């Protein structure tokens, strides 16, 4: 059905139909308006969003590009983005770069070809020239969860240094002395660097030295993550706690501990990063650092849409707060308070 069909059914001009579709009733009578609206209902007419967007140079569609949709954390973030977009009259187009910088570049071209109004991106970190060029031309873009090295970027992130510090400090307060950190090996991702920094700060603040650091680095796309953890645990048999920096890593850690018949938390304590729906159902229930994923998605979508309306500057830094959720896997008593970093 076209606007001409509606005009014929209501016995009015296409201009009159167009005015009413756009909420402009100034030059029409109530009777004419009701007749047009009835014709629209009877014909089940729906305006062509693409044609409307081409005319107005606005599609009311925003894109979001994530780096790993297998991680359940992102379903919470997506919910926050989608709810906010829906409330503010925008639709969402979703892509997954799978940590591939070439795919990331390709999807960005696709977003722009399809004339999305702006983009929220969890960047791979490997396309600095692309990010810089988008920021320089003031293309509406918000970077989420990971920082990019451009002072003019709009970022929505969590305080990863603080989150890691709280986790490790908590383990140390309950008597753990050989705390290892388990993380992905990726020099481009700010979250791993920041969580490692928080781990280091906690140990050094509690009287330990650089020689006490035990760092497990895993290849994210390798199928041997559990085996790598097992090898390191055998090499460092005195490890009495593991701080896992990602919920997907945590599952590999738990698998390795079970294979080695190490009891949690009696022999080795575990604290994970990212609160998930399954964390409290593990045996024992998992102590985690909760990231406000829904709030992160809300804030990113809100900032982008404010940017589109000219109400927000391109440059912005939103830093959200992490939270320690205490359960049995760390050997502590749920509800205990923890020391905060200075």
C-alpha atoms as a PDB file:
ATOM      1  CA  UNK A   1       0.000   0.000   0.000  1.00  0.00           C
ATOM      2  CA  UNK A   2       1.186   3.509  -0.840  1.00  0.00           C
ATOM      3  CA  UNK A   3       0.286   7.012   0.290  1.00  0.00           C
ATOM      4  CA  UNK A   4      -1.634   7.377  -2.995  1.00  0.00           C
ATOM      5  CA  UNK A   5      -3.870   4.409  -2.023  1.00  0.00           C
ATOM      6  CA  UNK A   6      -4.657   6.090   1.298  1.00  0.00           C
ATOM      7  CA  UNK A   7      -5.423   9.378  -0.471  1.00  0.00           C
ATOM      8  CA  UNK A   8      -7.796   7.632  -2.924  1.00  0.00           C
ATOM      9  CA  UNK A   9      -9.598   5.762  -0.141  1.00  0.00           C
ATOM     10  CA  UNK A  10     -10.051   8.945   1.944  1.00  0.00           C
ATOM     11  CA  UNK A  11     -10.776  11.098  -1.132  1.00  0.00           C
ATOM     12  CA  UNK A  12      -8.077  13.651  -0.258  1.00  0.00           C
ATOM     13  CA  UNK A  13      -4.740  14.705  -1.750  1.00  0.00           C
ATOM     14  CA  UNK A  14      -1.446  12.943  -1.008  1.00  0.00           C
ATOM     15  CA  UNK A  15      -0.251  16.192   0.598  1.00  0.00           C
ATOM     16  CA  UNK A  16      -3.105  16.032   3.107  1.00  0.00           C
ATOM     17  CA  UNK A  17      -2.253  12.410   3.975  1.00  0.00           C
ATOM     18  CA  UNK A  18       1.408  13.340   4.374  1.00  0.00           C
ATOM     19  CA  UNK A  19       0.550  16.213   6.722  1.00  0.00           C
ATOM     20  CA  UNK A  20      -1.601  13.975   8.919  1.00  0.00           C
ATOM     21  CA  UNK A  21       1.049  11.229   8.999  1.00  0.00           C
ATOM     22  CA  UNK A  22       3.503  13.847  10.276  1.00  0.00           C
ATOM     23  CA  UNK A  23       1.088  15.050  12.960  1.00  0.00           C
ATOM     24  CA  UNK A  24       0.335  18.349  11.226  1.00  0.00           C
ATOM     25  CA  UNK A  25      -3.427  18.898  11.585  1.00  0.00           C
ATOM     26  CA  UNK A  26      -3.430  22.692  11.179  1.00  0.00           C
ATOM     27  CA  UNK A  27      -4.905  22.734   7.653  1.00  0.00           C
ATOM     28  CA  UNK A  28      -7.386  19.859   7.974  1.00  0.00           C
ATOM     29  CA  UNK A  29     -10.760  19.499   9.608  1.00  0.00           C
ATOM     30  CA  UNK A  30     -11.391  16.891  12.269  1.00  0.00           C
ATOM     31  CA  UNK A  31     -13.665  15.044   9.849  1.00  0.00           C
ATOM     32  CA  UNK A  32     -10.930  14.892   7.191  1.00  0.00           C
ATOM     33  CA  UNK A  33      -8.353  13.749   9.736  1.00  0.00           C
ATOM     34  CA  UNK A  34     -10.641  10.955  10.986  1.00  0.00           C
ATOM     35  CA  UNK A  35     -11.327   9.852   7.397  1.00  0.00           C
ATOM     36  CA  UNK A  36      -7.604   9.645   6.614  1.00  0.00           C
ATOM     37  CA  UNK A  37      -6.793   7.797   9.841  1.00  0.00           C
ATOM     38  CA  UNK A  38      -9.610   5.328   9.138  1.00  0.00           C
ATOM     39  CA  UNK A  39      -8.279   4.749   5.606  1.00  0.00           C
ATOM     40  CA  UNK A  40      -4.784   4.114   7.044  1.00  0.00           C
ATOM     41  CA  UNK A  41      -6.244   1.567   9.464  1.00  0.00           C
ATOM     42  CA  UNK A  42      -8.372  -0.193   6.821  1.00  0.00           C
ATOM     43  CA  UNK A  43      -5.494  -0.450   4.346  1.00  0.00           C
ATOM     44  CA  UNK A  44      -2.948  -1.326   7.076  1.00  0.00           C
ATOM     45  CA  UNK A  45      -0.715   1.352   5.549  1.00  0.00           C
ATOM     46  CA  UNK A  46       2.813   1.697   6.959  1.00  0.00           C
ATOM     47  CA  UNK A  47       5.152   4.502   5.859  1.00  0.00           C
ATOM     48  CA  UNK A  48       8.350   3.428   4.135  1.00  0.00           C
ATOM     49  CA  UNK A  49      10.951   4.079   6.839  1.00  0.00           C
ATOM     50  CA  UNK A  50      13.871   4.072   4.405  1.00  0.00           C
ATOM     51  CA  UNK A  51      12.232   6.583   2.053  1.00  0.00           C
ATOM     52  CA  UNK A  52      11.273   8.754   5.003  1.00  0.00           C
ATOM     53  CA  UNK A  53      14.830   8.576   6.303  1.00  0.00           C
ATOM     54  CA  UNK A  54      16.327   9.530   2.963  1.00  0.00           C
ATOM     55  CA  UNK A  55      14.088  12.570   2.814  1.00  0.00           C
ATOM     56  CA  UNK A  56      14.794  13.717   6.377  1.00  0.00           C
ATOM     57  CA  UNK A  57      18.440  12.503   6.464  1.00  0.00           C
ATOM     58  CA  UNK A  58      17.468  10.599   9.625  1.00  0.00           C
ATOM     59  CA  UNK A  59      16.487   6.930   9.894  1.00  0.00           C
ATOM     60  CA  UNK A  60      15.853   6.651  13.661  1.00  0.00           C
ATOM     61  CA  UNK A  61      18.037   3.544  13.605  1.00  0.00           C
ATOM     62  CA  UNK A  62      21.221   3.196  15.646  1.00  0.00           C
ATOM     63  CA  UNK A  63      23.789   0.453  15.312  1.00  0.00           C
ATOM     64  CA  UNK A  64      25.546  -1.471  18.052  1.00  0.00           C
ATOM     65  CA  UNK A  65      28.673  -3.510  17.393  1.00  0.00           C
ATOM     66  CA  UNK A  66      29.865  -5.927  20.063  1.00  0.00           C
ATOM     67  CA  UNK A  67      33.079  -7.909  20.190  1.00  0.00           C
ATOM     68  CA  UNK A  68      31.771 -11.244  21.510  1.00  0.00           C
ATOM     69  CA  UNK A  69      28.082 -12.149  21.655  1.00  0.00           C
ATOM     70  CA  UNK A  70      28.915 -15.498  23.284  1.00  0.00           C
ATOM     71  CA  UNK A  71      29.563 -13.665  26.548  1.00  0.00           C
ATOM     72  CA  UNK A  72      26.276 -13.507  28.555  1.00  0.00           C
ATOM     73  CA  UNK A  73      27.288 -10.116  29.966  1.00  0.00           C
ATOM     74  CA  UNK A  74      26.387  -8.555  26.631  1.00  0.00           C
ATOM     75  CA  UNK A  75      22.774  -9.743  26.736  1.00  0.00           C
ATOM     76  CA  UNK A  76      22.319  -7.515  29.798  1.00  0.00           C
ATOM     77  CA  UNK A  77      24.013  -4.568  28.072  1.00  0.00           C
ATOM     78  CA  UNK A  78      21.903  -5.094  24.952  1.00  0.00           C
ATOM     79  CA  UNK A  79      18.734  -5.084  27.035  1.00  0.00           C
ATOM     80  CA  UNK A  80      19.684  -1.664  28.423  1.00  0.00           C
ATOM     81  CA  UNK A  81      20.480  -0.317  24.949  1.00  0.00           C
ATOM     82  CA  UNK A  82      17.320  -1.709  23.365  1.00  0.00           C
ATOM     83  CA  UNK A  83      14.958  -0.544  26.128  1.00  0.00           C
ATOM     84  CA  UNK A  84      16.375   2.990  25.939  1.00  0.00           C
ATOM     85  CA  UNK A  85      16.237   3.100  22.145  1.00  0.00           C
ATOM     86  CA  UNK A  86      12.639   1.875  22.177  1.00  0.00           C
ATOM     87  CA  UNK A  87      11.612   4.444  24.792  1.00  0.00           C
ATOM     88  CA  UNK A  88      13.199   7.250  22.762  1.00  0.00           C
ATOM     89  CA  UNK A  89      11.777   6.174  19.398  1.00  0.00           C
ATOM     90  CA  UNK A  90      14.808   4.448  17.866  1.00  0.00           C
ATOM     91  CA  UNK A  91      15.326   0.996  16.369  1.00  0.00           C
ATOM     92  CA  UNK A  92      18.487  -1.073  16.814  1.00  0.00           C
ATOM     93  CA  UNK A  93      20.755  -2.879  14.357  1.00  0.00           C
ATOM     94  CA  UNK A  94      23.157  -5.382  15.964  1.00  0.00           C
ATOM     95  CA  UNK A  95      26.512  -6.703  14.671  1.00  0.00           C
ATOM     96  CA  UNK A  96      29.173  -8.941  16.233  1.00  0.00           C
ATOM     97  CA  UNK A  97      32.809  -8.300  15.252  1.00  0.00           C
ATOM     98  CA  UNK A  98      34.018 -11.446  17.078  1.00  0.00           C
ATOM     99  CA  UNK A  99      37.248  -9.568  17.979  1.00  0.00           C
ATOM    100  CA  UNK A 100      38.100  -9.346  14.254  1.00  0.00           C
ATOM    101  CA  UNK A 101      39.319  -5.876  13.266  1.00  0.00           C
ATOM    102  CA  UNK A 102      38.613  -6.458   9.563  1.00  0.00           C
ATOM    103  CA  UNK A 103      35.033  -7.485  10.318  1.00  0.00           C
ATOM    104  CA  UNK A 104      34.720  -4.461  12.587  1.00  0.00           C
ATOM    105  CA  UNK A 105      35.753  -2.167   9.730  1.00  0.00           C
ATOM    106  CA  UNK A 106      33.416  -3.932   7.325  1.00  0.00           C
ATOM    107  CA  UNK A 107      30.434  -3.610   9.662  1.00  0.00           C
ATOM    108  CA  UNK A 108      31.165   0.070  10.222  1.00  0.00           C
ATOM    109  CA  UNK A 109      31.031   0.620   6.458  1.00  0.00           C
ATOM    110  CA  UNK A 110      27.754  -1.314   6.379  1.00  0.00           C
ATOM    111  CA  UNK A 111      26.275   0.846   9.153  1.00  0.00           C
ATOM    112  CA  UNK A 112      27.171   3.983   7.267  1.00  0.00           C
ATOM    113  CA  UNK A 113      25.901   2.650   3.950  1.00  0.00           C
ATOM    114  CA  UNK A 114      22.572   1.873   5.607  1.00  0.00           C
ATOM    115  CA  UNK A 115      22.562   5.400   7.040  1.00  0.00           C
ATOM    116  CA  UNK A 116      22.153   4.501  10.701  1.00  0.00           C
ATOM    117  CA  UNK A 117      22.041   7.702  12.735  1.00  0.00           C
ATOM    118  CA  UNK A 118      24.901   6.691  15.051  1.00  0.00           C
ATOM    119  CA  UNK A 119      26.784   3.725  16.495  1.00  0.00           C
ATOM    120  CA  UNK A 120      27.557   2.220  19.909  1.00  0.00           C
ATOM    121  CA  UNK A 121      30.663   0.048  19.730  1.00  0.00           C
ATOM    122  CA  UNK A 122      32.592  -2.270  22.015  1.00  0.00           C
ATOM    123  CA  UNK A 123      35.816  -1.849  20.028  1.00  0.00           C
ATOM    124  CA  UNK A 124      38.369  -4.534  19.240  1.00  0.00           C
ATOM    125  CA  UNK A 125      40.966  -1.840  19.974  1.00  0.00           C
ATOM    126  CA  UNK A 126      42.870  -2.732  16.810  1.00  0.00           C
ATOM    127  CA  UNK A 127      41.462  -0.041  14.495  1.00  0.00           C
ATOM    128  CA  UNK A 128      42.782   3.203  15.977  1.00  0.00           C
ATOM    129  CA  UNK A 129      42.925   5.031  12.589  1.00  0.00           C
ATOM    130  CA  UNK A 130      39.257   4.133  12.005  1.00  0.00           C
ATOM    131  CA  UNK A 131      38.184   5.343  15.459  1.00  0.00           C
ATOM    132  CA  UNK A 132      40.206   8.542  15.082  1.00  0.00           C
ATOM    133  CA  UNK A 133      38.719   9.345  11.684  1.00  0.00           C
ATOM    134  CA  UNK A 134      35.148   8.816  12.929  1.00  0.00           C
ATOM    135  CA  UNK A 135      35.782  11.057  15.943  1.00  0.00           C
ATOM    136  CA  UNK A 136      37.508  13.705  13.821  1.00  0.00           C
ATOM    137  CA  UNK A 137      34.554  14.000  11.446  1.00  0.00           C
ATOM    138  CA  UNK A 138      32.234  14.082  14.504  1.00  0.00           C
ATOM    139  CA  UNK A 139      30.343  10.991  13.448  1.00  0.00           C
ATOM    140  CA  UNK A 140      27.936  10.125  16.315  1.00  0.00           C
ATOM    141  CA  UNK A 141      29.672   7.228  18.074  1.00  0.00           C
ATOM    142  CA  UNK A 142      29.885   6.021  21.684  1.00  0.00           C
ATOM    143  CA  UNK A 143      32.559   3.543  22.804  1.00  0.00           C
ATOM    144  CA  UNK A 144      31.306   1.133  25.439  1.00  0.00           C
ATOM    145  CA  UNK A 145      33.163  -1.021  28.010  1.00  0.00           C
ATOM    146  CA  UNK A 146      36.580  -0.461  26.409  1.00  0.00           C
ATOM    147  CA  UNK A 147      38.492   2.793  26.135  1.00  0.00           C
ATOM    148  CA  UNK A 148      39.988   4.091  22.934  1.00  0.00           C
ATOM    149  CA  UNK A 149      43.094   6.267  23.030  1.00  0.00           C
ATOM    150  CA  UNK A 150      41.489   9.470  21.824  1.00  0.00           C
ATOM    151  CA  UNK A 151      40.750  12.269  24.264  1.00  0.00           C
ATOM    152  CA  UNK A 152      37.774  13.408  22.174  1.00  0.00           C
ATOM    153  CA  UNK A 153      35.989  10.042  22.310  1.00  0.00           C
ATOM    154  CA  UNK A 154      32.693   9.473  24.110  1.00  0.00           C
ATOM    155  CA  UNK A 155      33.166   6.500  26.468  1.00  0.00           C
ATOM    156  CA  UNK A 156      30.914   4.556  28.850  1.00  0.00           C
ATOM    157  CA  UNK A 157      33.027   2.212  30.955  1.00  0.00           C
ATOM    158  CA  UNK A 158      33.269   0.595  34.389  1.00  0.00           C
ATOM    159  CA  UNK A 159      36.101   1.371  36.803  1.00  0.00           C
ATOM    160  CA  UNK A 160      38.005  -1.843  36.085  1.00  0.00           C
ATOM    161  CA  UNK A 161      41.006  -0.934  38.238  1.00  0.00           C
ATOM    162  CA  UNK A 162      38.750  -0.492  41.244  1.00  0.00           C
ATOM    163  CA  UNK A 163      36.794  -3.663  40.496  1.00  0.00           C
ATOM    164  CA  UNK A 164      39.953  -5.776  40.352  1.00  0.00           C
ATOM    165  CA  UNK A 165      41.371  -4.103  43.452  1.00  0.00           C
ATOM    166  CA  UNK A 166      38.220  -4.864  45.454  1.00  0.00           C
ATOM    167  CA  UNK A 167      38.236  -8.513  44.332  1.00  0.00           C
ATOM    168  CA  UNK A 168      41.888  -9.184  45.134  1.00  0.00           C
ATOM    169  CA  UNK A 169      41.886  -7.139  48.333  1.00  0.00           C
ATOM    170  CA  UNK A 170      38.921  -9.199  49.515  1.00  0.00           C
ATOM    171  CA  UNK A 171      40.843 -12.449  48.964  1.00  0.00           C
ATOM    172  CA  UNK A 172      43.885 -11.098  50.807  1.00  0.00           C
ATOM    173  CA  UNK A 173      41.772  -9.974  53.764  1.00  0.00           C
ATOM    174  CA  UNK A 174      40.585 -13.549  54.215  1.00  0.00           C
ATOM    175  CA  UNK A 175      44.070 -15.011  54.433  1.00  0.00           C
ATOM    176  CA  UNK A 176      44.922 -15.888  50.833  1.00  0.00           C
ATOM    177  CA  UNK A 177      48.595 -15.323  50.097  1.00  0.00           C
ATOM    178  CA  UNK A 178      49.192 -16.762  46.621  1.00  0.00           C
ATOM    179  CA  UNK A 179      46.629 -15.022  44.440  1.00  0.00           C
ATOM    180  CA  UNK A 180      46.819 -15.596  40.688  1.00  0.00           C
ATOM    181  CA  UNK A 181      45.063 -13.543  38.021  1.00  0.00           C
ATOM    182  CA  UNK A 182      43.627 -15.277  34.958  1.00  0.00           C
ATOM    183  CA  UNK A 183      43.104 -13.098  31.862  1.00  0.00           C
ATOM    184  CA  UNK A 184      43.157 -13.101  28.064  1.00  0.00           C
ATOM    185  CA  UNK A 185      46.312 -12.152  26.216  1.00  0.00           C
ATOM    186  CA  UNK A 186      45.309  -9.092  24.208  1.00  0.00           C
ATOM    187  CA  UNK A 187      47.418  -5.939  24.241  1.00  0.00           C
ATOM    188  CA  UNK A 188      44.668  -3.938  22.504  1.00  0.00           C
ATOM    189  CA  UNK A 189      41.914  -4.334  25.109  1.00  0.00           C
ATOM    190  CA  UNK A 190      41.877  -1.756  27.905  1.00  0.00           C
ATOM    191  CA  UNK A 191      39.767  -3.874  30.279  1.00  0.00           C
ATOM    192  CA  UNK A 192      42.461  -6.558  30.668  1.00  0.00           C
ATOM    193  CA  UNK A 193      45.164  -3.941  31.268  1.00  0.00           C
ATOM    194  CA  UNK A 194      43.037  -2.145  33.872  1.00  0.00           C
ATOM    195  CA  UNK A 195      42.037  -5.316  35.722  1.00  0.00           C
ATOM    196  CA  UNK A 196      45.679  -6.393  35.792  1.00  0.00           C
ATOM    197  CA  UNK A 197      46.587  -2.970  37.182  1.00  0.00           C
ATOM    198  CA  UNK A 198      43.966  -3.327  39.939  1.00  0.00           C
ATOM    199  CA  UNK A 199      45.321  -6.782  40.792  1.00  0.00           C
ATOM    200  CA  UNK A 200      48.847  -5.382  41.074  1.00  0.00           C
ATOM    201  CA  UNK A 201      47.738  -2.405  43.177  1.00  0.00           C
ATOM    202  CA  UNK A 202      45.931  -4.654  45.658  1.00  0.00           C
ATOM    203  CA  UNK A 203      48.944  -6.921  46.159  1.00  0.00           C
ATOM    204  CA  UNK A 204      51.411  -4.052  46.491  1.00  0.00           C
ATOM    205  CA  UNK A 205      49.109  -2.186  48.908  1.00  0.00           C
ATOM    206  CA  UNK A 206      49.052  -5.287  51.131  1.00  0.00           C
ATOM    207  CA  UNK A 207      52.821  -5.598  51.409  1.00  0.00           C
ATOM    208  CA  UNK A 208      53.527  -7.953  48.527  1.00  0.00           C
ATOM    209  CA  UNK A 209      56.098  -7.314  45.810  1.00  0.00           C
ATOM    210  CA  UNK A 210      56.240  -7.653  42.020  1.00  0.00           C
ATOM    211  CA  UNK A 211      57.778 -11.114  42.477  1.00  0.00           C
ATOM    212  CA  UNK A 212      54.529 -12.285  44.108  1.00  0.00           C
ATOM    213  CA  UNK A 213      52.481 -11.638  40.970  1.00  0.00           C
ATOM    214  CA  UNK A 214      51.165 -14.804  39.285  1.00  0.00           C
ATOM    215  CA  UNK A 215      49.695 -13.967  35.885  1.00  0.00           C
ATOM    216  CA  UNK A 216      47.922 -16.548  33.695  1.00  0.00           C
ATOM    217  CA  UNK A 217      47.452 -15.258  30.136  1.00  0.00           C
ATOM    218  CA  UNK A 218      45.164 -17.263  27.854  1.00  0.00           C
ATOM    219  CA  UNK A 219      44.569 -17.163  24.115  1.00  0.00           C
ATOM    220  CA  UNK A 220      40.923 -16.164  23.752  1.00  0.00           C
ATOM    221  CA  UNK A 221      40.213 -18.165  20.593  1.00  0.00           C
ATOM    222  CA  UNK A 222      42.240 -21.236  21.570  1.00  0.00           C
ATOM    223  CA  UNK A 223      40.487 -24.471  22.567  1.00  0.00           C
ATOM    224  CA  UNK A 224      43.146 -25.229  25.173  1.00  0.00           C
ATOM    225  CA  UNK A 225      42.300 -22.636  27.828  1.00  0.00           C
ATOM    226  CA  UNK A 226      41.449 -25.200  30.490  1.00  0.00           C
ATOM    227  CA  UNK A 227      44.635 -27.160  29.770  1.00  0.00           C
ATOM    228  CA  UNK A 228      46.711 -23.972  30.082  1.00  0.00           C
ATOM    229  CA  UNK A 229      45.171 -23.270  33.498  1.00  0.00           C
ATOM    230  CA  UNK A 230      45.864 -26.837  34.619  1.00  0.00           C
ATOM    231  CA  UNK A 231      49.517 -26.535  33.595  1.00  0.00           C
ATOM    232  CA  UNK A 232      49.966 -23.317  35.539  1.00  0.00           C
ATOM    233  CA  UNK A 233      48.257 -24.729  38.647  1.00  0.00           C
ATOM    234  CA  UNK A 234      50.583 -27.724  38.547  1.00  0.00           C
ATOM    235  CA  UNK A 235      53.581 -25.431  38.131  1.00  0.00           C
ATOM    236  CA  UNK A 236      52.464 -23.204  41.035  1.00  0.00           C
ATOM    237  CA  UNK A 237      51.000 -25.747  43.423  1.00  0.00           C
ATOM    238  CA  UNK A 238      50.941 -23.177  46.225  1.00  0.00           C
ATOM    239  CA  UNK A 239      48.311 -20.967  44.531  1.00  0.00           C
ATOM    240  CA  UNK A 240      45.473 -20.571  47.041  1.00  0.00           C
ATOM    241  CA  UNK A 241      43.228 -18.136  45.134  1.00  0.00           C
ATOM    242  CA  UNK A 242      42.349 -17.189  41.555  1.00  0.00           C
ATOM    243  CA  UNK A 243      40.949 -13.878  40.386  1.00  0.00           C
ATOM    244  CA  UNK A 244      39.255 -14.523  37.023  1.00  0.00           C
ATOM    245  CA  UNK A 245      38.807 -11.397  34.895  1.00  0.00           C
ATOM    246  CA  UNK A 246      35.939 -12.636  32.707  1.00  0.00           C
ATOM    247  CA  UNK A 247      32.967 -14.969  33.193  1.00  0.00           C
ATOM    248  CA  UNK A 248      33.938 -17.148  30.222  1.00  0.00           C
ATOM    249  CA  UNK A 249      37.399 -17.589  31.768  1.00  0.00           C
ATOM    250  CA  UNK A 250      35.762 -18.440  35.102  1.00  0.00           C
ATOM    251  CA  UNK A 251      34.052 -21.453  33.552  1.00  0.00           C
ATOM    252  CA  UNK A 252      37.428 -22.700  32.290  1.00  0.00           C
ATOM    253  CA  UNK A 253      38.945 -22.127  35.754  1.00  0.00           C
ATOM    254  CA  UNK A 254      36.176 -24.140  37.412  1.00  0.00           C
ATOM    255  CA  UNK A 255      36.636 -26.936  34.889  1.00  0.00           C
ATOM    256  CA  UNK A 256      40.385 -27.034  35.563  1.00  0.00           C
ATOM    257  CA  UNK A 257      39.906 -27.104  39.347  1.00  0.00           C
ATOM    258  CA  UNK A 258      37.439 -29.966  39.097  1.00  0.00           C
ATOM    259  CA  UNK A 259      39.793 -31.938  36.878  1.00  0.00           C
ATOM    260  CA  UNK A 260      42.553 -31.485  39.467  1.00  0.00           C
ATOM    261  CA  UNK A 261      40.142 -32.363  42.321  1.00  0.00           C
ATOM    262  CA  UNK A 262      40.901 -29.065  44.067  1.00  0.00           C
ATOM    263  CA  UNK A 263      38.194 -28.108  46.551  1.00  0.00           C
ATOM    264  CA  UNK A 264      36.699 -24.582  46.389  1.00  0.00           C
ATOM    265  CA  UNK A 265      37.167 -22.692  48.665  1.00  0.00           C
ATOM    266  CA  UNK A 266      38.909 -25.085  51.080  1.00  0.00           C
ATOM    267  CA  UNK A 267      42.020 -25.475  48.907  1.00  0.00           C
ATOM    268  CA  UNK A 268      41.633 -22.624  46.466  1.00  0.00           C
ATOM    269  CA  UNK A 269      39.330 -19.589  46.491  1.00  0.00           C
ATOM    270  CA  UNK A 270      37.797 -18.112  43.326  1.00  0.00           C
ATOM    271  CA  UNK A 271      36.467 -14.639  42.537  1.00  0.00           C
ATOM    272  CA  UNK A 272      35.083 -13.958  39.059  1.00  0.00           C
ATOM    273  CA  UNK A 273      34.417 -10.785  37.079  1.00  0.00           C
ATOM    274  CA  UNK A 274      30.865 -10.265  35.737  1.00  0.00           C
ATOM    275  CA  UNK A 275      27.782 -11.246  37.667  1.00  0.00           C
ATOM    276  CA  UNK A 276      25.688 -13.701  35.623  1.00  0.00           C
ATOM    277  CA  UNK A 277      22.409 -15.530  36.174  1.00  0.00           C
ATOM    278  CA  UNK A 278      24.284 -18.805  36.750  1.00  0.00           C
ATOM    279  CA  UNK A 279      26.904 -17.520  39.238  1.00  0.00           C
ATOM    280  CA  UNK A 280      24.753 -18.175  42.326  1.00  0.00           C
ATOM    281  CA  UNK A 281      23.834 -21.674  41.136  1.00  0.00           C
ATOM    282  CA  UNK A 282      27.376 -23.009  40.915  1.00  0.00           C
ATOM    283  CA  UNK A 283      28.681 -25.327  43.629  1.00  0.00           C
ATOM    284  CA  UNK A 284      29.874 -23.490  45.605  1.00  0.00           C
ATOM    285  CA  UNK A 285      28.089 -20.269  44.568  1.00  0.00           C
ATOM    286  CA  UNK A 286      30.505 -17.866  42.897  1.00  0.00           C
ATOM    287  CA  UNK A 287      31.767 -14.598  44.378  1.00  0.00           C
ATOM    288  CA  UNK A 288      31.879 -12.021  41.580  1.00  0.00           C
ATOM    289  CA  UNK A 289      32.469  -8.416  40.667  1.00  0.00           C
ATOM    290  CA  UNK A 290      29.194  -7.121  39.261  1.00  0.00           C
ATOM    291  CA  UNK A 291      29.376  -4.709  36.368  1.00  0.00           C
ATOM    292  CA  UNK A 292      26.225  -2.597  35.899  1.00  0.00           C
ATOM    293  CA  UNK A 293      25.658  -3.930  32.381  1.00  0.00           C
ATOM    294  CA  UNK A 294      22.065  -2.761  31.992  1.00  0.00           C
ATOM    295  CA  UNK A 295      22.995   0.711  33.227  1.00  0.00           C
ATOM    296  CA  UNK A 296      25.979   0.731  30.854  1.00  0.00           C
ATOM    297  CA  UNK A 297      23.681  -0.007  27.919  1.00  0.00           C
ATOM    298  CA  UNK A 298      21.173   2.614  29.057  1.00  0.00           C
ATOM    299  CA  UNK A 299      23.835   5.278  29.450  1.00  0.00           C
ATOM    300  CA  UNK A 300      25.479   4.539  26.092  1.00  0.00           C
ATOM    301  CA  UNK A 301      22.169   4.662  24.198  1.00  0.00           C
ATOM    302  CA  UNK A 302      21.044   7.797  26.038  1.00  0.00           C
ATOM    303  CA  UNK A 303      24.374   9.556  25.369  1.00  0.00           C
ATOM    304  CA  UNK A 304      24.275   8.666  21.682  1.00  0.00           C
ATOM    305  CA  UNK A 305      20.701   9.870  21.233  1.00  0.00           C
ATOM    306  CA  UNK A 306      21.494  13.074  23.136  1.00  0.00           C
ATOM    307  CA  UNK A 307      24.424  13.525  20.769  1.00  0.00           C
ATOM    308  CA  UNK A 308      22.112  13.059  17.783  1.00  0.00           C
ATOM    309  CA  UNK A 309      19.781  15.738  19.099  1.00  0.00           C
ATOM    310  CA  UNK A 310      22.678  18.137  19.729  1.00  0.00           C
ATOM    311  CA  UNK A 311      22.183  18.107  23.513  1.00  0.00           C
ATOM    312  CA  UNK A 312      25.450  16.319  24.326  1.00  0.00           C
ATOM    313  CA  UNK A 313      28.988  17.034  23.289  1.00  0.00           C
ATOM    314  CA  UNK A 314      30.941  14.398  21.393  1.00  0.00           C
ATOM    315  CA  UNK A 315      33.575  14.170  24.121  1.00  0.00           C
ATOM    316  CA  UNK A 316      32.369  12.506  27.340  1.00  0.00           C
ATOM    317  CA  UNK A 317      33.563   9.951  29.889  1.00  0.00           C
ATOM    318  CA  UNK A 318      31.049   8.037  31.986  1.00  0.00           C
ATOM    319  CA  UNK A 319      32.685   5.865  34.636  1.00  0.00           C
ATOM    320  CA  UNK A 320      30.341   3.375  36.326  1.00  0.00           C
ATOM    321  CA  UNK A 321      30.978   1.673  39.669  1.00  0.00           C
ATOM    322  CA  UNK A 322      31.678  -2.062  40.144  1.00  0.00           C
ATOM    323  CA  UNK A 323      30.251  -4.014  43.087  1.00  0.00           C
ATOM    324  CA  UNK A 324      31.502  -7.084  44.978  1.00  0.00           C
ATOM    325  CA  UNK A 325      28.913  -9.873  45.351  1.00  0.00           C
ATOM    326  CA  UNK A 326      30.132 -12.164  48.156  1.00  0.00           C
ATOM    327  CA  UNK A 327      29.283 -15.874  47.994  1.00  0.00           C
ATOM    328  CA  UNK A 328      30.914 -19.081  49.184  1.00  0.00           C
ATOM    329  CA  UNK A 329      33.608 -19.527  46.499  1.00  0.00           C
ATOM    330  CA  UNK A 330      35.937 -16.985  48.144  1.00  0.00           C
ATOM    331  CA  UNK A 331      35.733 -18.536  51.619  1.00  0.00           C
ATOM    332  CA  UNK A 332      34.320 -15.353  53.161  1.00  0.00           C
ATOM    333  CA  UNK A 333      31.072 -14.630  54.907  1.00  0.00           C
ATOM    334  CA  UNK A 334      28.452 -13.029  52.646  1.00  0.00           C
ATOM    335  CA  UNK A 335      27.658  -9.499  53.743  1.00  0.00           C
ATOM    336  CA  UNK A 336      31.178  -8.639  54.985  1.00  0.00           C
ATOM    337  CA  UNK A 337      32.432  -5.208  53.999  1.00  0.00           C
ATOM    338  CA  UNK A 338      35.574  -4.737  51.948  1.00  0.00           C
ATOM    339  CA  UNK A 339      38.283  -2.098  51.926  1.00  0.00           C
ATOM    340  CA  UNK A 340      38.148   0.401  49.075  1.00  0.00           C
ATOM    341  CA  UNK A 341      41.212   1.664  47.186  1.00  0.00           C
ATOM    342  CA  UNK A 342      42.531   5.090  48.115  1.00  0.00           C
END
